[in-house]
Amino acid sequence: MDDKTGAIADFTEVIKLNPTVARPYFNRGVSTIKLGDKDGACNDWKKAAELKHEKAIEIVNKFYK
């Protein structure tokens, strides 16, 4: 649960398998922000928002517009 780097790698693999699913982008963004990478998290959340992930849309609208 605390292996954020491993989680990021896992989410990246899931994204490679199906890049049109929003949840892995959102979850990778969560792990990425916990490692202090704000730009990486923002990119993932923006992609998740493009794919209609509601929480990602909220985050992007609140913090990244």
Protein backbone atom coordinates (compact mmCIF):
# COMPACT_ATOMS: atom_id res chain seq x y z
CA MET A 1 0.00 0.00 0.00
CA ASP A 2 2.88 2.39 0.62
CA ASP A 3 4.84 1.45 -2.51
CA LYS A 4 3.93 4.49 -4.55
CA THR A 5 6.67 3.88 -7.12
CA GLY A 6 5.43 0.32 -7.64
CA ALA A 7 1.86 1.56 -7.89
CA ILE A 8 2.88 4.09 -10.54
CA ALA A 9 4.56 1.31 -12.52
CA ASP A 10 1.45 -0.86 -12.23
CA PHE A 11 -0.88 1.94 -13.34
CA THR A 12 1.44 2.68 -16.26
CA GLU A 13 1.18 -0.93 -17.40
CA VAL A 14 -2.61 -0.82 -17.16
CA ILE A 15 -2.63 2.39 -19.21
CA LYS A 16 -0.50 0.70 -21.87
CA LEU A 17 -3.06 -2.11 -22.10
CA ASN A 18 -6.03 0.24 -22.40
CA PRO A 19 -5.24 3.95 -22.67
CA THR A 20 -8.91 4.93 -22.93
CA VAL A 21 -9.81 4.11 -19.31
CA ALA A 22 -9.75 7.09 -16.94
CA ARG A 23 -9.28 5.43 -13.55
CA PRO A 24 -5.63 4.32 -13.97
CA TYR A 25 -4.65 7.87 -14.98
CA PHE A 26 -6.44 9.26 -11.94
CA ASN A 27 -4.89 6.73 -9.58
CA ARG A 28 -1.41 7.22 -11.04
CA GLY A 29 -1.88 10.94 -10.46
CA VAL A 30 -2.71 10.29 -6.81
CA SER A 31 0.45 8.22 -6.35
CA THR A 32 2.50 10.74 -8.29
CA ILE A 33 1.39 13.72 -6.18
CA LYS A 34 2.27 11.77 -3.03
CA LEU A 35 5.84 11.58 -4.36
CA GLY A 36 5.86 15.34 -4.86
CA ASP A 37 5.55 15.40 -8.65
CA LYS A 38 2.87 18.04 -9.14
CA ASP A 39 3.38 18.32 -12.90
CA GLY A 40 3.12 14.57 -13.42
CA ALA A 41 -0.02 14.38 -11.30
CA CYS A 42 -1.55 17.32 -13.16
CA ASN A 43 -0.89 15.64 -16.51
CA ASP A 44 -2.50 12.40 -15.36
CA TRP A 45 -5.52 14.17 -13.87
CA LYS A 46 -5.99 16.22 -17.02
CA LYS A 47 -5.98 13.03 -19.09
CA ALA A 48 -8.41 11.37 -16.68
CA ALA A 49 -10.64 14.46 -16.92
CA GLU A 50 -10.57 14.24 -20.72
CA LEU A 51 -11.80 10.67 -20.29
CA LYS A 52 -14.70 11.91 -18.11
CA HIS A 53 -13.43 10.89 -14.63
CA GLU A 54 -15.58 13.08 -12.37
CA LYS A 55 -13.13 13.53 -9.48
CA ALA A 56 -10.35 14.37 -11.94
CA ILE A 57 -12.61 16.97 -13.56
CA GLU A 58 -13.21 18.53 -10.13
CA ILE A 59 -9.47 18.61 -9.33
CA VAL A 60 -8.51 20.06 -12.70
CA ASN A 61 -11.22 22.72 -12.49
CA LYS A 62 -10.24 23.67 -8.96
CA PHE A 63 -6.44 23.63 -9.17
CA TYR A 64 -5.25 23.59 -12.77
CA LYS A 65 -7.33 26.04 -14.80
